[in-house]
Amino acid sequence: MVSLRCKMLVKEELQKLGLDFVSIDLGTVEIPGQLTEEQKEAFGKNLKKSGLELLEDKKSILVEKIKGVIIEMIHYADEIPKTNDSDYISEKLEYDYTYLSNTFSEVKGITIQQYVIMHKIEKVKELLLYDELTLTEIAHRLHYSSVAHLSNQFKKVTGLTPSYFKELKYKREKNLENL
């Protein structure tokens, strides 16, 4: 659960079922007392209808928290922290990074770093489509060591160069104009 919309959906579902809650946060809901099996099942079914799922496994919950911190760091923070991703994630979640990394890899089948790169590339795509920043400015904003490093990583993930990706945007727009 990452976005405000997800939190609102969870709150709505809890209210529909008449369930009290203490807090709804990044991937967790604090409920006073225990839910019955019927309440858990109903809550889980309702969440599934909205594209969410009820996690009770501690490792899965921790992985969702890791994903939330990464998404928040890359997509919603005004500026990506200048510290190492590993230090930032570890500090935010108050766990040793090795433990976080091993748990994430075990549950997701990819490393935290691969997940960070995927989200950075998504952010690069978004910024390229907005066309407000140069590639140099994007590289600087996302803390890449150089434009070449960003370009190489972009091509490795998407199969396209950033400039070709941007060119495709213009071609799509031109095709839409010609309809």
N, C-alpha and C. Protein backbone atom coordinates (compact mmCIF):
# COMPACT_ATOMS: atom_id res chain seq x y z
N MET A 1 0.87 -1.16 0.00
CA MET A 1 0.00 0.00 0.00
C MET A 1 0.91 1.22 0.00
N VAL A 2 0.87 1.97 -1.03
CA VAL A 2 1.81 3.07 -1.16
C VAL A 2 1.09 4.41 -1.26
N SER A 3 0.15 4.48 -2.14
CA SER A 3 -0.44 5.78 -2.44
C SER A 3 -1.57 6.14 -1.48
N LEU A 4 -1.90 7.40 -1.51
CA LEU A 4 -3.02 7.91 -0.72
C LEU A 4 -4.31 7.20 -1.13
N ARG A 5 -4.43 6.93 -2.43
CA ARG A 5 -5.62 6.24 -2.94
C ARG A 5 -5.75 4.85 -2.32
N CYS A 6 -4.63 4.13 -2.21
CA CYS A 6 -4.65 2.80 -1.59
C CYS A 6 -5.10 2.89 -0.14
N LYS A 7 -4.58 3.88 0.56
CA LYS A 7 -4.95 4.06 1.96
C LYS A 7 -6.44 4.36 2.09
N MET A 8 -6.96 5.18 1.18
CA MET A 8 -8.38 5.52 1.20
C MET A 8 -9.23 4.28 0.93
N LEU A 9 -8.82 3.45 -0.02
CA LEU A 9 -9.55 2.23 -0.33
C LEU A 9 -9.60 1.30 0.88
N VAL A 10 -8.46 1.14 1.54
CA VAL A 10 -8.40 0.28 2.72
C VAL A 10 -9.31 0.83 3.82
N LYS A 11 -9.27 2.13 4.03
CA LYS A 11 -10.12 2.76 5.04
C LYS A 11 -11.61 2.52 4.73
N GLU A 12 -11.99 2.71 3.46
CA GLU A 12 -13.38 2.48 3.02
C GLU A 12 -13.81 1.04 3.30
N GLU A 13 -12.95 0.09 2.95
CA GLU A 13 -13.29 -1.32 3.14
C GLU A 13 -13.45 -1.66 4.61
N LEU A 14 -12.59 -1.09 5.45
CA LEU A 14 -12.70 -1.32 6.89
C LEU A 14 -14.01 -0.75 7.41
N GLN A 15 -14.35 0.45 6.94
CA GLN A 15 -15.59 1.10 7.38
C GLN A 15 -16.82 0.32 6.91
N LYS A 16 -16.80 -0.18 5.66
CA LYS A 16 -17.92 -0.97 5.14
C LYS A 16 -18.19 -2.20 6.01
N LEU A 17 -17.10 -2.78 6.51
CA LEU A 17 -17.23 -3.98 7.34
C LEU A 17 -17.46 -3.64 8.81
N GLY A 18 -17.48 -2.34 9.14
CA GLY A 18 -17.70 -1.92 10.52
C GLY A 18 -16.51 -2.23 11.42
N LEU A 19 -15.32 -2.26 10.84
CA LEU A 19 -14.11 -2.58 11.60
C LEU A 19 -13.40 -1.30 12.05
N ASP A 20 -13.05 -1.25 13.31
CA ASP A 20 -12.29 -0.12 13.83
C ASP A 20 -10.82 -0.30 13.49
N PHE A 21 -10.12 0.81 13.38
CA PHE A 21 -8.68 0.75 13.15
C PHE A 21 -8.02 1.91 13.88
N VAL A 22 -6.78 1.69 14.24
CA VAL A 22 -5.99 2.71 14.92
C VAL A 22 -5.29 3.58 13.90
N SER A 23 -4.65 2.92 12.91
CA SER A 23 -3.93 3.67 11.88
C SER A 23 -3.83 2.85 10.60
N ILE A 24 -3.68 3.58 9.51
CA ILE A 24 -3.43 2.98 8.19
C ILE A 24 -2.17 3.66 7.69
N ASP A 25 -1.15 2.86 7.44
CA ASP A 25 0.13 3.43 7.02
C ASP A 25 0.68 2.62 5.86
N LEU A 26 1.90 2.89 5.50
CA LEU A 26 2.58 2.26 4.39
C LEU A 26 2.56 0.73 4.51
N GLY A 27 1.57 0.10 3.90
CA GLY A 27 1.51 -1.35 3.89
C GLY A 27 0.99 -2.00 5.15
N THR A 28 0.54 -1.22 6.12
CA THR A 28 0.06 -1.81 7.37
C THR A 28 -1.22 -1.13 7.85
N VAL A 29 -2.01 -1.93 8.54
CA VAL A 29 -3.21 -1.42 9.19
C VAL A 29 -3.15 -1.91 10.63
N GLU A 30 -3.28 -0.99 11.55
CA GLU A 30 -3.29 -1.38 12.96
C GLU A 30 -4.74 -1.43 13.42
N ILE A 31 -5.15 -2.61 13.87
CA ILE A 31 -6.52 -2.84 14.29
C ILE A 31 -6.51 -3.24 15.76
N PRO A 32 -7.37 -2.60 16.58
CA PRO A 32 -7.42 -3.02 17.98
C PRO A 32 -8.04 -4.42 18.08
N GLY A 33 -7.41 -5.29 18.82
CA GLY A 33 -7.95 -6.64 18.98
C GLY A 33 -7.65 -7.51 17.78
N GLN A 34 -8.33 -8.65 17.72
CA GLN A 34 -8.14 -9.63 16.65
C GLN A 34 -9.35 -9.65 15.74
N LEU A 35 -9.12 -9.89 14.46
CA LEU A 35 -10.20 -10.09 13.51
C LEU A 35 -10.61 -11.56 13.54
N THR A 36 -11.88 -11.80 13.34
CA THR A 36 -12.33 -13.19 13.20
C THR A 36 -11.91 -13.66 11.82
N GLU A 37 -11.95 -14.97 11.60
CA GLU A 37 -11.61 -15.51 10.29
C GLU A 37 -12.56 -14.98 9.22
N GLU A 38 -13.85 -14.84 9.58
CA GLU A 38 -14.85 -14.32 8.64
C GLU A 38 -14.53 -12.87 8.26
N GLN A 39 -14.14 -12.06 9.24
CA GLN A 39 -13.79 -10.66 8.98
C GLN A 39 -12.57 -10.57 8.09
N LYS A 40 -11.56 -11.41 8.39
CA LYS A 40 -10.34 -11.42 7.56
C LYS A 40 -10.68 -11.80 6.13
N GLU A 41 -11.51 -12.84 5.98
CA GLU A 41 -11.88 -13.31 4.65
C GLU A 41 -12.65 -12.24 3.88
N ALA A 42 -13.62 -11.60 4.54
CA ALA A 42 -14.40 -10.55 3.88
C ALA A 42 -13.51 -9.37 3.51
N PHE A 43 -12.63 -8.96 4.41
CA PHE A 43 -11.73 -7.85 4.17
C PHE A 43 -10.80 -8.17 3.00
N GLY A 44 -10.24 -9.39 3.01
CA GLY A 44 -9.36 -9.82 1.92
C GLY A 44 -10.06 -9.83 0.58
N LYS A 45 -11.31 -10.35 0.54
CA LYS A 45 -12.08 -10.38 -0.71
C LYS A 45 -12.34 -8.97 -1.23
N ASN A 46 -12.74 -8.08 -0.33
CA ASN A 46 -13.03 -6.70 -0.73
C ASN A 46 -11.78 -5.98 -1.24
N LEU A 47 -10.64 -6.24 -0.60
CA LEU A 47 -9.40 -5.63 -1.06
C LEU A 47 -9.04 -6.15 -2.46
N LYS A 48 -9.23 -7.44 -2.66
CA LYS A 48 -8.89 -8.05 -3.95
C LYS A 48 -9.68 -7.41 -5.09
N LYS A 49 -10.95 -7.07 -4.84
CA LYS A 49 -11.79 -6.42 -5.85
C LYS A 49 -11.19 -5.08 -6.28
N SER A 50 -10.45 -4.45 -5.39
CA SER A 50 -9.82 -3.16 -5.67
C SER A 50 -8.39 -3.31 -6.17
N GLY A 51 -7.95 -4.56 -6.36
CA GLY A 51 -6.59 -4.79 -6.85
C GLY A 51 -5.55 -4.82 -5.76
N LEU A 52 -5.97 -4.92 -4.50
CA LEU A 52 -5.04 -4.99 -3.37
C LEU A 52 -5.13 -6.37 -2.75
N GLU A 53 -4.19 -6.69 -1.88
CA GLU A 53 -4.27 -7.98 -1.21
C GLU A 53 -3.90 -7.85 0.26
N LEU A 54 -4.47 -8.74 1.04
CA LEU A 54 -4.23 -8.79 2.47
C LEU A 54 -3.03 -9.67 2.72
N LEU A 55 -2.01 -9.11 3.32
CA LEU A 55 -0.79 -9.87 3.61
C LEU A 55 -0.69 -10.11 5.12
N GLU A 56 -0.43 -11.34 5.46
CA GLU A 56 -0.24 -11.65 6.87
C GLU A 56 1.16 -12.18 7.13
N ASP A 57 1.84 -12.57 6.10
CA ASP A 57 3.20 -13.08 6.20
C ASP A 57 4.14 -11.91 6.50
N LYS A 58 4.91 -11.99 7.56
CA LYS A 58 5.78 -10.89 7.99
C LYS A 58 6.80 -10.49 6.91
N LYS A 59 7.31 -11.46 6.17
CA LYS A 59 8.29 -11.14 5.12
C LYS A 59 7.62 -10.36 3.99
N SER A 60 6.43 -10.78 3.60
CA SER A 60 5.71 -10.07 2.54
C SER A 60 5.36 -8.65 2.96
N ILE A 61 5.00 -8.50 4.22
CA ILE A 61 4.69 -7.16 4.75
C ILE A 61 5.94 -6.28 4.70
N LEU A 62 7.07 -6.85 5.11
CA LEU A 62 8.32 -6.09 5.08
C LEU A 62 8.70 -5.71 3.65
N VAL A 63 8.51 -6.61 2.71
CA VAL A 63 8.82 -6.33 1.30
C VAL A 63 7.93 -5.19 0.80
N GLU A 64 6.65 -5.20 1.17
CA GLU A 64 5.75 -4.11 0.77
C GLU A 64 6.23 -2.78 1.35
N LYS A 65 6.73 -2.81 2.57
CA LYS A 65 7.27 -1.58 3.17
C LYS A 65 8.51 -1.10 2.42
N ILE A 66 9.37 -2.03 2.04
CA ILE A 66 10.57 -1.68 1.26
C ILE A 66 10.15 -1.04 -0.06
N LYS A 67 9.21 -1.68 -0.75
CA LYS A 67 8.73 -1.14 -2.02
C LYS A 67 8.14 0.25 -1.83
N GLY A 68 7.39 0.43 -0.76
CA GLY A 68 6.79 1.73 -0.47
C GLY A 68 7.83 2.81 -0.26
N VAL A 69 8.89 2.50 0.48
CA VAL A 69 9.96 3.47 0.72
C VAL A 69 10.64 3.84 -0.60
N ILE A 70 10.88 2.85 -1.44
CA ILE A 70 11.55 3.10 -2.73
C ILE A 70 10.66 3.96 -3.63
N ILE A 71 9.40 3.61 -3.72
CA ILE A 71 8.47 4.37 -4.57
C ILE A 71 8.33 5.79 -4.07
N GLU A 72 8.20 5.94 -2.77
CA GLU A 72 8.11 7.28 -2.18
C GLU A 72 9.38 8.08 -2.47
N MET A 73 10.53 7.43 -2.29
CA MET A 73 11.83 8.09 -2.49
C MET A 73 12.00 8.57 -3.93
N ILE A 74 11.60 7.77 -4.90
CA ILE A 74 11.84 8.09 -6.30
C ILE A 74 10.73 8.93 -6.92
N HIS A 75 9.49 8.59 -6.62
CA HIS A 75 8.37 9.22 -7.32
C HIS A 75 7.71 10.38 -6.57
N TYR A 76 7.79 10.39 -5.25
CA TYR A 76 7.03 11.40 -4.52
C TYR A 76 7.86 12.40 -3.72
N ALA A 77 9.11 12.11 -3.48
CA ALA A 77 9.96 13.05 -2.74
C ALA A 77 10.32 14.21 -3.67
N ASP A 78 10.45 15.40 -3.10
CA ASP A 78 10.83 16.56 -3.91
C ASP A 78 12.21 16.34 -4.53
N GLU A 79 13.07 15.68 -3.77
CA GLU A 79 14.41 15.38 -4.28
C GLU A 79 14.85 14.03 -3.71
N ILE A 80 15.45 13.21 -4.54
CA ILE A 80 15.96 11.92 -4.08
C ILE A 80 17.08 12.19 -3.08
N PRO A 81 17.07 11.49 -1.96
CA PRO A 81 18.13 11.72 -0.95
C PRO A 81 19.52 11.47 -1.55
N LYS A 82 20.47 12.24 -1.07
CA LYS A 82 21.83 12.12 -1.59
C LYS A 82 22.59 10.95 -0.98
N THR A 83 22.04 10.35 0.08
CA THR A 83 22.69 9.19 0.69
C THR A 83 22.52 7.97 -0.21
N ASN A 84 23.28 6.93 0.08
CA ASN A 84 23.12 5.66 -0.65
C ASN A 84 21.69 5.17 -0.46
N ASP A 85 21.16 4.54 -1.50
CA ASP A 85 19.81 3.97 -1.40
C ASP A 85 19.74 3.01 -0.21
N SER A 86 20.78 2.19 -0.06
CA SER A 86 20.78 1.19 1.01
C SER A 86 20.72 1.84 2.38
N ASP A 87 21.49 2.91 2.59
CA ASP A 87 21.46 3.61 3.88
C ASP A 87 20.09 4.24 4.12
N TYR A 88 19.53 4.83 3.08
CA TYR A 88 18.24 5.50 3.20
C TYR A 88 17.14 4.50 3.58
N ILE A 89 17.08 3.39 2.86
CA ILE A 89 16.05 2.37 3.09
C ILE A 89 16.22 1.77 4.48
N SER A 90 17.45 1.45 4.82
CA SER A 90 17.74 0.87 6.13
C SER A 90 17.34 1.82 7.27
N GLU A 91 17.66 3.08 7.09
CA GLU A 91 17.34 4.09 8.10
C GLU A 91 15.82 4.28 8.23
N LYS A 92 15.13 4.35 7.11
CA LYS A 92 13.67 4.55 7.10
C LYS A 92 12.94 3.40 7.79
N LEU A 93 13.40 2.18 7.55
CA LEU A 93 12.69 1.01 8.07
C LEU A 93 13.28 0.49 9.39
N GLU A 94 14.42 1.06 9.76
CA GLU A 94 15.09 0.69 11.01
C GLU A 94 15.43 -0.80 11.07
N TYR A 95 15.98 -1.30 9.96
CA TYR A 95 16.46 -2.67 9.86
C TYR A 95 17.83 -2.64 9.23
N ASP A 96 18.62 -3.66 9.49
CA ASP A 96 19.90 -3.83 8.84
C ASP A 96 19.67 -4.06 7.35
N TYR A 97 20.44 -3.39 6.51
CA TYR A 97 20.21 -3.49 5.06
C TYR A 97 20.40 -4.90 4.54
N THR A 98 21.36 -5.64 5.07
CA THR A 98 21.59 -7.01 4.60
C THR A 98 20.34 -7.86 4.82
N TYR A 99 19.71 -7.70 5.97
CA TYR A 99 18.47 -8.42 6.25
C TYR A 99 17.37 -8.01 5.27
N LEU A 100 17.22 -6.70 5.06
CA LEU A 100 16.21 -6.21 4.12
C LEU A 100 16.47 -6.76 2.72
N SER A 101 17.71 -6.70 2.30
CA SER A 101 18.10 -7.14 0.97
C SER A 101 17.83 -8.62 0.77
N ASN A 102 18.22 -9.43 1.73
CA ASN A 102 18.01 -10.88 1.63
C ASN A 102 16.52 -11.22 1.62
N THR A 103 15.74 -10.56 2.47
CA THR A 103 14.30 -10.81 2.53
C THR A 103 13.64 -10.41 1.22
N PHE A 104 14.01 -9.23 0.69
CA PHE A 104 13.43 -8.74 -0.56
C PHE A 104 13.72 -9.71 -1.70
N SER A 105 14.97 -10.12 -1.82
CA SER A 105 15.37 -11.03 -2.90
C SER A 105 14.65 -12.37 -2.78
N GLU A 106 14.52 -12.85 -1.57
CA GLU A 106 13.86 -14.14 -1.34
C GLU A 106 12.38 -14.08 -1.76
N VAL A 107 11.71 -12.99 -1.43
CA VAL A 107 10.28 -12.87 -1.72
C VAL A 107 10.01 -12.45 -3.16
N LYS A 108 10.78 -11.49 -3.69
CA LYS A 108 10.50 -10.93 -5.02
C LYS A 108 11.30 -11.58 -6.15
N GLY A 109 12.41 -12.23 -5.84
CA GLY A 109 13.21 -12.85 -6.89
C GLY A 109 14.11 -11.88 -7.63
N ILE A 110 14.15 -10.63 -7.18
CA ILE A 110 15.09 -9.63 -7.73
C ILE A 110 15.70 -8.89 -6.54
N THR A 111 16.78 -8.18 -6.79
CA THR A 111 17.42 -7.44 -5.71
C THR A 111 16.72 -6.09 -5.50
N ILE A 112 16.97 -5.51 -4.34
CA ILE A 112 16.44 -4.17 -4.08
C ILE A 112 17.00 -3.21 -5.11
N GLN A 113 18.27 -3.35 -5.44
CA GLN A 113 18.89 -2.44 -6.40
C GLN A 113 18.23 -2.53 -7.77
N GLN A 114 17.88 -3.74 -8.20
CA GLN A 114 17.18 -3.89 -9.48
C GLN A 114 15.81 -3.20 -9.43
N TYR A 115 15.15 -3.30 -8.29
CA TYR A 115 13.85 -2.66 -8.12
C TYR A 115 14.00 -1.13 -8.15
N VAL A 116 15.04 -0.63 -7.50
CA VAL A 116 15.32 0.82 -7.51
C VAL A 116 15.58 1.28 -8.94
N ILE A 117 16.39 0.53 -9.67
CA ILE A 117 16.71 0.90 -11.05
C ILE A 117 15.45 0.93 -11.91
N MET A 118 14.58 -0.08 -11.76
CA MET A 118 13.33 -0.11 -12.53
C MET A 118 12.51 1.15 -12.27
N HIS A 119 12.44 1.57 -11.02
CA HIS A 119 11.65 2.76 -10.70
C HIS A 119 12.34 4.05 -11.14
N LYS A 120 13.66 4.07 -11.08
CA LYS A 120 14.37 5.25 -11.58
C LYS A 120 14.14 5.41 -13.08
N ILE A 121 14.16 4.30 -13.80
CA ILE A 121 13.94 4.36 -15.25
C ILE A 121 12.51 4.80 -15.54
N GLU A 122 11.55 4.35 -14.75
CA GLU A 122 10.16 4.82 -14.92
C GLU A 122 10.08 6.32 -14.70
N LYS A 123 10.82 6.82 -13.71
CA LYS A 123 10.84 8.26 -13.44
C LYS A 123 11.51 9.00 -14.60
N VAL A 124 12.57 8.43 -15.14
CA VAL A 124 13.25 9.04 -16.30
C VAL A 124 12.27 9.13 -17.46
N LYS A 125 11.53 8.06 -17.72
CA LYS A 125 10.54 8.08 -18.81
C LYS A 125 9.54 9.20 -18.59
N GLU A 126 9.03 9.28 -17.38
CA GLU A 126 8.06 10.32 -17.05
C GLU A 126 8.63 11.71 -17.31
N LEU A 127 9.85 11.95 -16.84
CA LEU A 127 10.48 13.26 -17.02
C LEU A 127 10.77 13.54 -18.49
N LEU A 128 11.14 12.52 -19.25
CA LEU A 128 11.36 12.70 -20.69
C LEU A 128 10.06 13.07 -21.39
N LEU A 129 8.98 12.44 -21.00
CA LEU A 129 7.69 12.73 -21.63
C LEU A 129 7.19 14.13 -21.30
N TYR A 130 7.48 14.60 -20.08
CA TYR A 130 7.09 15.97 -19.71
C TYR A 130 7.87 17.01 -20.52
N ASP A 131 9.09 16.62 -20.94
CA ASP A 131 9.92 17.46 -21.80
C ASP A 131 10.27 18.82 -21.17
N GLU A 132 10.41 18.84 -19.85
CA GLU A 132 10.76 20.09 -19.18
C GLU A 132 12.23 20.14 -18.78
N LEU A 133 12.88 18.97 -18.72
CA LEU A 133 14.27 18.90 -18.30
C LEU A 133 15.13 18.25 -19.39
N THR A 134 16.38 18.66 -19.43
CA THR A 134 17.32 18.01 -20.34
C THR A 134 17.74 16.69 -19.72
N LEU A 135 18.36 15.84 -20.50
CA LEU A 135 18.85 14.56 -20.00
C LEU A 135 19.91 14.79 -18.91
N THR A 136 20.70 15.82 -19.05
CA THR A 136 21.71 16.16 -18.04
C THR A 136 21.02 16.53 -16.72
N GLU A 137 19.96 17.32 -16.80
CA GLU A 137 19.23 17.71 -15.60
C GLU A 137 18.55 16.50 -14.95
N ILE A 138 18.02 15.61 -15.77
CA ILE A 138 17.39 14.40 -15.24
C ILE A 138 18.43 13.53 -14.54
N ALA A 139 19.58 13.36 -15.18
CA ALA A 139 20.66 12.57 -14.58
C ALA A 139 21.07 13.15 -13.24
N HIS A 140 21.20 14.46 -13.18
CA HIS A 140 21.57 15.13 -11.94
C HIS A 140 20.49 14.95 -10.87
N ARG A 141 19.23 15.15 -11.25
CA ARG A 141 18.11 15.05 -10.31
C ARG A 141 18.00 13.65 -9.70
N LEU A 142 18.28 12.63 -10.52
CA LEU A 142 18.15 11.25 -10.03
C LEU A 142 19.48 10.67 -9.52
N HIS A 143 20.47 11.55 -9.39
CA HIS A 143 21.79 11.20 -8.83
C HIS A 143 22.55 10.13 -9.61
N TYR A 144 22.47 10.22 -10.94
CA TYR A 144 23.32 9.36 -11.76
C TYR A 144 24.68 10.02 -11.84
N SER A 145 25.71 9.21 -11.93
CA SER A 145 27.07 9.76 -11.97
C SER A 145 27.33 10.53 -13.25
N SER A 146 26.62 10.17 -14.32
CA SER A 146 26.79 10.86 -15.60
C SER A 146 25.59 10.57 -16.50
N VAL A 147 25.47 11.34 -17.56
CA VAL A 147 24.42 11.11 -18.56
C VAL A 147 24.66 9.76 -19.23
N ALA A 148 25.92 9.42 -19.45
CA ALA A 148 26.24 8.13 -20.08
C ALA A 148 25.75 6.97 -19.21
N HIS A 149 25.95 7.09 -17.89
CA HIS A 149 25.49 6.04 -16.98
C HIS A 149 23.97 5.90 -17.04
N LEU A 150 23.27 7.02 -17.00
CA LEU A 150 21.81 7.00 -17.11
C LEU A 150 21.40 6.37 -18.45
N SER A 151 22.01 6.81 -19.54
CA SER A 151 21.66 6.31 -20.87
C SER A 151 21.89 4.81 -20.99
N ASN A 152 23.02 4.34 -20.46
CA ASN A 152 23.32 2.90 -20.52
C ASN A 152 22.29 2.10 -19.72
N GLN A 153 21.95 2.59 -18.54
CA GLN A 153 20.97 1.89 -17.71
C GLN A 153 19.59 1.92 -18.36
N PHE A 154 19.23 3.06 -18.95
CA PHE A 154 17.94 3.21 -19.63
C PHE A 154 17.84 2.20 -20.77
N LYS A 155 18.91 2.11 -21.57
CA LYS A 155 18.90 1.19 -22.71
C LYS A 155 18.86 -0.26 -22.24
N LYS A 156 19.57 -0.57 -21.18
CA LYS A 156 19.58 -1.93 -20.65
C LYS A 156 18.18 -2.36 -20.20
N VAL A 157 17.44 -1.44 -19.60
CA VAL A 157 16.10 -1.75 -19.07
C VAL A 157 15.04 -1.71 -20.17
N THR A 158 15.08 -0.70 -21.03
CA THR A 158 14.00 -0.49 -22.01
C THR A 158 14.32 -1.02 -23.41
N GLY A 159 15.60 -1.18 -23.70
CA GLY A 159 16.00 -1.56 -25.05
C GLY A 159 16.11 -0.37 -25.99
N LEU A 160 15.84 0.83 -25.47
CA LEU A 160 15.88 2.05 -26.27
C LEU A 160 16.83 3.06 -25.62
N THR A 161 17.35 3.96 -26.43
CA THR A 161 18.11 5.06 -25.86
C THR A 161 17.10 6.11 -25.39
N PRO A 162 17.47 6.96 -24.45
CA PRO A 162 16.55 8.01 -24.02
C PRO A 162 16.11 8.92 -25.17
N SER A 163 17.03 9.24 -26.06
CA SER A 163 16.68 10.13 -27.16
C SER A 163 15.69 9.45 -28.12
N TYR A 164 15.86 8.15 -28.36
CA TYR A 164 14.92 7.44 -29.22
C TYR A 164 13.55 7.33 -28.54
N PHE A 165 13.55 7.11 -27.23
CA PHE A 165 12.30 7.06 -26.47
C PHE A 165 11.54 8.38 -26.63
N LYS A 166 12.27 9.47 -26.51
CA LYS A 166 11.68 10.80 -26.65
C LYS A 166 11.17 11.01 -28.09
N GLU A 167 11.95 10.55 -29.05
CA GLU A 167 11.57 10.66 -30.46
C GLU A 167 10.26 9.93 -30.73
N LEU A 168 10.07 8.78 -30.10
CA LEU A 168 8.83 8.01 -30.25
C LEU A 168 7.63 8.82 -29.78
N LYS A 169 7.83 9.61 -28.73
CA LYS A 169 6.75 10.46 -28.22
C LYS A 169 6.32 11.44 -29.32
N TYR A 170 7.29 12.07 -29.97
CA TYR A 170 6.97 13.03 -31.02
C TYR A 170 6.28 12.35 -32.21
N LYS A 171 6.73 11.13 -32.55
CA LYS A 171 6.10 10.40 -33.64
C LYS A 171 4.66 10.05 -33.30
N ARG A 172 4.40 9.63 -32.06
CA ARG A 172 3.03 9.32 -31.63
C ARG A 172 2.15 10.55 -31.71
N GLU A 173 2.68 11.68 -31.23
CA GLU A 173 1.91 12.93 -31.26
C GLU A 173 1.59 13.33 -32.69
N LYS A 174 2.58 13.19 -33.57
CA LYS A 174 2.38 13.56 -34.98
C LYS A 174 1.33 12.65 -35.62
N ASN A 175 1.39 11.35 -35.31
CA ASN A 175 0.41 10.41 -35.86
C ASN A 175 -1.00 10.74 -35.36
N LEU A 176 -1.11 11.16 -34.12
CA LEU A 176 -2.43 11.54 -33.58
C LEU A 176 -2.97 12.79 -34.26
N GLU A 177 -2.07 13.71 -34.58
CA GLU A 177 -2.48 14.94 -35.27
C GLU A 177 -3.00 14.65 -36.67
N ASN A 178 -2.43 13.62 -37.29
CA ASN A 178 -2.81 13.26 -38.68
C ASN A 178 -4.09 12.45 -38.76
N LEU A 179 -4.67 12.10 -37.64
CA LEU A 179 -5.92 11.30 -37.69
C LEU A 179 -7.10 12.12 -38.04
